[in-house]
């Protein structure tokens, strides 16, 4: 493996960490109903944990209401149980064909909890990016130590890697800032 491959692989992994952070942020509830809130929920469907997205369609008729329409009506009670047990703070009601979730208005305390959760998820994203940098640095150091590349090339690659890392960490910070603004919006 040469330096360019190491840097390319690091860049791809860092971008995946950014995407994972975006998905984490999407799962944090804001004042509006959003199907992405349910991305992380799995339902016990005939004994197998199945993502809720595969079992139902979602509609948002109003800003704080979401309708979950199961493809298989026999799964409706399991879906309702999963929603009740989740940390989303929704109280689902089921009419036999669909589940209606009315999201309560966010209290100041709940907003602070969500901001704290967003900060934790952002820190996880930053840590993931830094872990990729550390691994790539180790690979570069090994190439230099084994005399496969010169020290100047190794130093230049580490500098590129640091710039790449800073850019990704700044992206995570910007995402966090946007999510905080969204959560504070009343």
Protein backbone atom coordinates (compact mmCIF):
# COMPACT_ATOMS: atom_id res chain seq x y z
CA UNK A 1 0.00 0.00 0.00
CA UNK A 2 1.41 3.41 -0.90
CA UNK A 3 0.80 6.85 0.57
CA UNK A 4 -1.88 7.83 -1.97
CA UNK A 5 -3.87 4.67 -1.20
CA UNK A 6 -3.59 5.33 2.54
CA UNK A 7 -4.81 8.92 2.12
CA UNK A 8 -7.65 7.87 -0.22
CA UNK A 9 -8.81 5.16 2.17
CA UNK A 10 -8.62 7.59 5.10
CA UNK A 11 -10.67 10.15 3.17
CA UNK A 12 -13.35 7.58 2.34
CA UNK A 13 -13.57 6.39 5.96
CA UNK A 14 -13.73 9.98 7.25
CA UNK A 15 -16.57 10.73 4.82
CA UNK A 16 -18.41 7.64 6.08
CA UNK A 17 -17.98 8.92 9.65
CA UNK A 18 -19.53 12.24 8.56
CA UNK A 19 -22.47 10.41 6.96
CA UNK A 20 -22.99 8.35 10.12
CA UNK A 21 -23.00 11.55 12.16
CA UNK A 22 -25.60 13.09 9.82
CA UNK A 23 -27.78 9.99 10.28
CA UNK A 24 -27.35 10.21 14.05
CA UNK A 25 -28.45 13.85 13.95
CA UNK A 26 -31.47 12.98 11.79
CA UNK A 27 -32.62 10.52 14.43
CA UNK A 28 -32.73 13.29 17.07
CA UNK A 29 -36.21 14.69 17.22
CA UNK A 30 -36.82 18.36 16.59
CA UNK A 31 -40.14 20.19 16.73
CA UNK A 32 -41.28 18.71 13.40
CA UNK A 33 -42.32 15.18 12.53
CA UNK A 34 -39.76 13.49 10.33
CA UNK A 35 -39.55 9.85 9.17
CA UNK A 36 -35.78 9.85 9.79
CA UNK A 37 -36.53 9.91 13.53
CA UNK A 38 -37.51 6.26 13.20
CA UNK A 39 -34.41 5.09 11.28
CA UNK A 40 -32.81 3.43 14.29
CA UNK A 41 -35.90 1.56 15.50
CA UNK A 42 -36.15 -2.18 14.98
CA UNK A 43 -39.34 -4.16 15.46
CA UNK A 44 -39.56 -7.81 16.53
CA UNK A 45 -41.22 -9.12 13.36
CA UNK A 46 -41.86 -12.86 13.47
CA UNK A 47 -38.91 -13.30 15.82
CA UNK A 48 -36.44 -11.28 13.73
CA UNK A 49 -35.38 -7.70 14.56
CA UNK A 50 -36.48 -5.78 11.46
CA UNK A 51 -35.94 -2.04 10.76
CA UNK A 52 -39.23 -0.15 11.06
CA UNK A 53 -38.57 1.48 7.66
CA UNK A 54 -38.96 -1.97 6.04
CA UNK A 55 -42.30 -2.66 7.71
CA UNK A 56 -44.25 0.54 7.11
CA UNK A 57 -44.64 3.73 5.12
CA UNK A 58 -44.64 7.15 6.75
CA UNK A 59 -46.76 10.23 6.13
CA UNK A 60 -46.64 13.61 7.83
CA UNK A 61 -50.08 15.23 7.46
CA UNK A 62 -49.19 17.98 9.96
CA UNK A 63 -45.98 19.43 11.38
CA UNK A 64 -46.13 17.41 14.61
CA UNK A 65 -48.08 14.36 13.44
CA UNK A 66 -46.73 11.30 11.69
CA UNK A 67 -48.78 8.41 10.34
CA UNK A 68 -47.14 5.00 10.22
CA UNK A 69 -48.94 2.64 7.86
CA UNK A 70 -47.73 -0.97 8.23
CA UNK A 71 -47.52 -3.09 5.08
CA UNK A 72 -48.56 -6.10 7.18
CA UNK A 73 -51.45 -5.26 9.55
CA UNK A 74 -50.50 -8.16 11.84
CA UNK A 75 -47.32 -6.28 12.82
CA UNK A 76 -49.22 -3.21 14.05
CA UNK A 77 -49.12 -4.12 17.77
CA UNK A 78 -45.37 -4.89 17.69
CA UNK A 79 -44.69 -1.60 15.89
CA UNK A 80 -46.79 0.26 18.46
CA UNK A 81 -44.93 -1.47 21.32
CA UNK A 82 -41.55 -0.53 19.77
CA UNK A 83 -42.63 3.11 19.44
CA UNK A 84 -43.86 3.20 23.04
CA UNK A 85 -40.59 1.72 24.34
CA UNK A 86 -38.36 4.05 22.25
CA UNK A 87 -36.69 7.19 23.59
CA UNK A 88 -38.55 9.40 21.07
CA UNK A 89 -41.17 10.51 23.57
CA UNK A 90 -44.10 9.70 21.26
CA UNK A 91 -47.43 8.28 22.36
CA UNK A 92 -48.70 6.14 19.46
CA UNK A 93 -52.40 5.42 18.95
CA UNK A 94 -53.55 2.69 16.60
CA UNK A 95 -56.86 2.44 14.75
CA UNK A 96 -56.26 -1.06 13.38
CA UNK A 97 -54.91 0.15 10.02
CA UNK A 98 -52.35 2.79 10.92
CA UNK A 99 -50.52 4.24 13.87
CA UNK A 100 -50.78 7.95 14.56
CA UNK A 101 -47.95 9.55 16.53
CA UNK A 102 -48.50 13.08 17.73
CA UNK A 103 -45.22 14.55 18.85
CA UNK A 104 -45.55 16.64 21.98
CA UNK A 105 -44.15 20.17 21.85
CA UNK A 106 -40.58 20.15 23.08
CA UNK A 107 -40.14 21.49 26.58
CA UNK A 108 -37.08 23.58 27.41
CA UNK A 109 -35.70 20.65 29.41
CA UNK A 110 -36.26 18.19 26.56
CA UNK A 111 -34.55 20.57 24.11
CA UNK A 112 -31.52 20.71 26.41
CA UNK A 113 -31.48 16.90 26.58
CA UNK A 114 -31.57 16.69 22.79
CA UNK A 115 -28.79 19.28 22.47
CA UNK A 116 -26.71 17.25 24.91
CA UNK A 117 -27.45 14.13 22.85
CA UNK A 118 -26.44 15.99 19.67
CA UNK A 119 -23.16 17.06 21.30
CA UNK A 120 -22.45 13.44 22.27
CA UNK A 121 -23.14 12.26 18.72
CA UNK A 122 -20.92 15.05 17.34
CA UNK A 123 -18.12 14.01 19.68
CA UNK A 124 -18.53 10.40 18.50
CA UNK A 125 -18.20 11.66 14.92
CA UNK A 126 -15.05 13.63 15.76
CA UNK A 127 -13.57 10.60 17.54
CA UNK A 128 -14.30 8.40 14.50
CA UNK A 129 -12.54 10.88 12.21
CA UNK A 130 -9.55 11.08 14.55
CA UNK A 131 -9.36 7.30 14.81
CA UNK A 132 -9.13 7.12 11.01
CA UNK A 133 -6.33 9.71 11.13
CA UNK A 134 -4.47 7.75 13.81
CA UNK A 135 -4.65 4.52 11.80
CA UNK A 136 -3.52 6.27 8.60
CA UNK A 137 -0.65 7.94 10.50
CA UNK A 138 0.46 4.53 11.77
CA UNK A 139 0.40 3.16 8.23
CA UNK A 140 2.43 6.12 6.94
CA UNK A 141 4.94 5.81 9.81
CA UNK A 142 5.34 2.11 9.01
CA UNK A 143 6.09 2.92 5.33
CA UNK A 144 8.71 5.48 6.42
CA UNK A 145 10.20 3.08 8.99
CA UNK A 146 10.40 0.27 6.42
CA UNK A 147 12.12 2.73 4.05
CA UNK A 148 9.40 2.27 1.40
CA UNK A 149 8.97 6.06 1.22
CA UNK A 150 11.20 8.96 2.21
CA UNK A 151 10.74 10.94 5.40
CA UNK A 152 9.79 14.07 3.42
CA UNK A 153 7.00 12.20 1.64
CA UNK A 154 5.83 10.78 4.98
CA UNK A 155 5.80 14.23 6.58
CA UNK A 156 3.93 15.71 3.61
CA UNK A 157 1.35 12.90 3.75
CA UNK A 158 0.83 13.44 7.49
CA UNK A 159 0.35 17.15 6.85
CA UNK A 160 -2.26 16.35 4.16
CA UNK A 161 -3.92 13.93 6.56
CA UNK A 162 -4.08 16.58 9.30
CA UNK A 163 -5.68 19.06 6.86
CA UNK A 164 -8.19 16.38 5.81
CA UNK A 165 -8.97 15.65 9.46
CA UNK A 166 -9.44 19.32 10.34
CA UNK A 167 -11.84 19.77 7.42
CA UNK A 168 -13.96 16.78 8.55
CA UNK A 169 -13.96 17.86 12.21
CA UNK A 170 -15.05 21.36 11.13
CA UNK A 171 -17.86 19.73 9.12
CA UNK A 172 -19.04 17.85 12.23
CA UNK A 173 -18.93 21.12 14.21
CA UNK A 174 -21.00 22.88 11.53
CA UNK A 175 -23.55 20.05 11.53
CA UNK A 176 -23.79 20.31 15.33
CA UNK A 177 -24.30 24.07 15.15
CA UNK A 178 -27.12 23.58 12.62
CA UNK A 179 -28.77 20.90 14.75
CA UNK A 180 -28.55 23.07 17.87
CA UNK A 181 -30.17 25.98 16.01
CA UNK A 182 -32.91 23.62 14.79
CA UNK A 183 -33.54 22.36 18.34
CA UNK A 184 -33.67 25.84 19.85
CA UNK A 185 -36.15 27.05 17.22
CA UNK A 186 -39.57 27.32 18.88
